[in-house]
Protein backbone atom coordinates (compact mmCIF):
# COMPACT_ATOMS: atom_id res chain seq x y z
CA MET A 1 -81.60 31.14 -25.70
CA ALA A 2 -83.32 27.71 -24.78
CA ILE A 3 -84.51 26.45 -21.29
CA PHE A 4 -84.28 23.02 -21.13
CA PHE A 5 -85.75 20.69 -18.33
CA THR A 6 -84.29 17.48 -17.07
CA SER A 7 -83.48 15.01 -14.17
CA ASP A 8 -81.90 11.56 -13.17
CA THR A 9 -78.71 11.93 -15.33
CA HIS A 10 -77.31 10.04 -12.08
CA PHE A 11 -73.75 10.76 -13.33
CA GLY A 12 -71.27 8.09 -11.68
CA HIS A 13 -74.17 5.49 -10.51
CA GLY A 14 -73.03 2.35 -11.49
CA GLY A 15 -76.82 0.95 -11.06
CA ALA A 16 -78.29 3.31 -13.55
CA LEU A 17 -76.83 1.26 -16.30
CA GLY A 18 -79.03 -1.58 -15.50
CA LEU A 19 -81.81 0.12 -13.46
CA TYR A 20 -82.59 1.99 -16.35
CA GLN A 21 -81.47 -0.46 -19.20
CA ARG A 22 -78.72 2.24 -20.51
CA SER A 23 -76.46 0.39 -22.75
CA PHE A 24 -73.27 1.81 -22.10
CA PRO A 25 -70.08 -1.03 -21.45
CA SER A 26 -69.35 1.03 -18.17
CA VAL A 27 -69.87 4.30 -15.98
CA VAL A 28 -67.24 5.99 -17.49
CA ALA A 29 -68.82 5.50 -21.23
CA MET A 30 -72.15 6.75 -19.97
CA ASN A 31 -70.92 9.42 -18.04
CA GLU A 32 -68.76 10.81 -20.99
CA ALA A 33 -71.62 10.13 -23.72
CA ILE A 34 -73.88 12.38 -21.27
CA VAL A 35 -71.82 14.81 -21.28
CA GLU A 36 -71.23 14.82 -25.50
CA ARG A 37 -75.11 14.51 -25.92
CA TRP A 38 -75.67 17.22 -23.57
CA ASN A 39 -73.44 19.47 -24.96
CA ALA A 40 -74.86 18.55 -28.65
CA THR A 41 -78.27 19.60 -27.28
CA VAL A 42 -77.46 22.29 -24.90
CA GLY A 43 -75.93 25.53 -26.10
CA PRO A 44 -73.64 27.76 -24.09
CA ASP A 45 -76.46 30.52 -23.57
CA ASP A 46 -78.94 27.91 -22.61
CA GLU A 47 -80.61 27.47 -19.51
CA VAL A 48 -80.80 23.77 -17.99
CA TRP A 49 -83.31 23.15 -15.10
CA HIS A 50 -82.02 20.04 -13.59
CA LEU A 51 -85.19 18.46 -11.77
CA GLY A 52 -82.71 16.07 -9.19
CA ASP A 53 -80.34 12.83 -8.92
CA PHE A 54 -78.11 14.72 -11.18
CA ALA A 55 -74.77 12.42 -9.79
CA ILE A 56 -74.76 9.87 -7.44
CA ARG A 57 -72.35 9.05 -4.33
CA GLN A 58 -69.83 11.53 -6.37
CA SER A 59 -67.59 14.17 -4.41
CA GLN A 60 -67.67 17.56 -4.35
CA THR A 61 -64.92 17.97 -6.68
CA VAL A 62 -66.15 15.44 -9.31
CA VAL A 63 -69.73 17.36 -9.36
CA GLU A 64 -68.01 20.50 -9.79
CA GLN A 65 -66.02 19.08 -12.86
CA LEU A 66 -69.22 17.74 -14.49
CA LEU A 67 -70.64 20.66 -14.26
CA GLY A 68 -67.45 22.43 -15.87
CA ARG A 69 -67.91 20.14 -18.48
CA LEU A 70 -71.37 20.66 -19.78
CA ASN A 71 -72.76 23.91 -21.54
CA GLY A 72 -75.57 26.13 -20.13
CA ARG A 73 -76.73 27.75 -17.55
CA LYS A 74 -77.70 25.28 -14.72
CA HIS A 75 -80.29 24.95 -11.78
CA LEU A 76 -80.51 22.29 -9.97
CA VAL A 77 -84.12 21.39 -7.99
CA THR A 78 -82.71 18.90 -5.86
CA GLY A 79 -84.15 15.16 -5.98
CA ASN A 80 -84.08 12.60 -2.96
CA ASN A 81 -80.18 11.38 -3.99
CA ASP A 82 -78.44 14.84 -4.37
CA ALA A 83 -76.03 14.75 -1.51
CA ALA A 84 -74.51 17.48 -0.04
CA ALA A 85 -71.83 16.84 -2.46
CA THR A 86 -74.07 17.82 -5.45
CA ILE A 87 -75.91 20.66 -3.91
CA GLU A 88 -73.03 22.58 -2.41
CA ALA A 89 -71.32 22.14 -5.77
CA SER A 90 -69.87 25.11 -7.36
CA GLY A 91 -71.15 25.51 -11.04
CA TRP A 92 -74.75 25.63 -10.11
CA GLN A 93 -76.33 29.40 -11.31
CA SER A 94 -79.26 28.37 -8.24
CA VAL A 95 -80.50 25.47 -6.01
CA GLN A 96 -83.45 24.70 -5.06
CA LEU A 97 -84.59 23.11 -2.18
CA PRO A 98 -88.34 22.16 -2.75
CA GLU A 99 -90.63 21.63 -0.09
CA PRO A 100 -92.25 18.24 0.66
CA SER A 101 -95.57 17.45 -1.37
CA ARG A 102 -98.36 17.94 0.82
CA ASN A 103 -99.41 14.17 0.08
CA ARG A 104 -96.29 12.59 0.79
CA GLN A 105 -93.24 13.54 3.36
CA ARG A 106 -90.76 12.52 1.11
CA ARG A 107 -88.24 15.33 -0.52
CA ASP A 108 -88.64 13.57 -4.40
CA SER A 109 -88.46 16.15 -7.17
CA VAL A 110 -91.23 14.29 -8.54
CA GLU A 111 -93.92 14.71 -5.86
CA VAL A 112 -93.31 18.21 -5.05
CA GLU A 113 -95.22 21.66 -6.38
CA PHE A 114 -92.47 23.08 -8.40
CA ARG A 115 -93.42 26.40 -10.10
CA VAL A 116 -91.05 28.29 -12.79
CA PRO A 117 -92.34 31.17 -15.08
CA ASP A 118 -94.16 30.77 -17.74
CA VAL A 119 -91.62 29.28 -20.14
CA ALA A 120 -93.83 29.25 -22.91
CA ALA A 121 -93.48 32.68 -23.39
CA VAL A 122 -90.29 33.01 -23.63
CA GLY A 123 -89.83 30.33 -26.27
CA ALA A 124 -88.64 27.56 -24.16
CA ARG A 125 -88.89 23.63 -24.73
CA GLN A 126 -90.90 22.03 -22.54
CA TYR A 127 -90.67 18.53 -21.14
CA HIS A 128 -92.02 16.47 -18.72
CA PRO A 129 -88.81 16.05 -16.10
CA ALA A 130 -87.66 12.74 -17.21
CA ALA A 131 -88.23 12.87 -20.84
CA LEU A 132 -85.68 14.80 -21.83
CA ALA A 133 -83.27 12.86 -19.74
CA PRO A 134 -83.25 10.27 -22.64
CA TYR A 135 -82.48 12.46 -25.51
CA ILE A 136 -79.51 14.00 -23.62
CA GLY A 137 -78.75 10.44 -22.18
CA THR A 138 -79.16 8.74 -25.98
CA GLY A 139 -78.51 11.65 -28.77
CA ALA A 140 -81.98 11.44 -30.21
CA LYS A 141 -83.80 14.64 -30.65
CA PRO A 142 -86.89 15.66 -28.48
């Protein structure tokens, strides 16, 4: 079992194509590539901590369908763009609603104090939250 951390998949977000310079011809192609590359990286018994912004403006049904297609036991630490449809979707092993940082009033996954067990002790792969998204999103290996 491996433990992965990722964020900002932005499933369904057309703006992500330009904003993050994702080189896909369409949102559908982006979504399909992320699912394919996620599953090529993450095994069924692996654990994935998604640190926010899983899907943008998607219905709960669509979010649940995406979660059902993705390998691993998935946990969500909500980001500033995670709406109720994402937070309340079945398919998450857990959903964490982090407290705002002492320095900011915004609830951003990057600005919260997030504590996890010592994952190095269990042989986990540990990446900066945004660092795994390019690997899952592009197929490159960390």
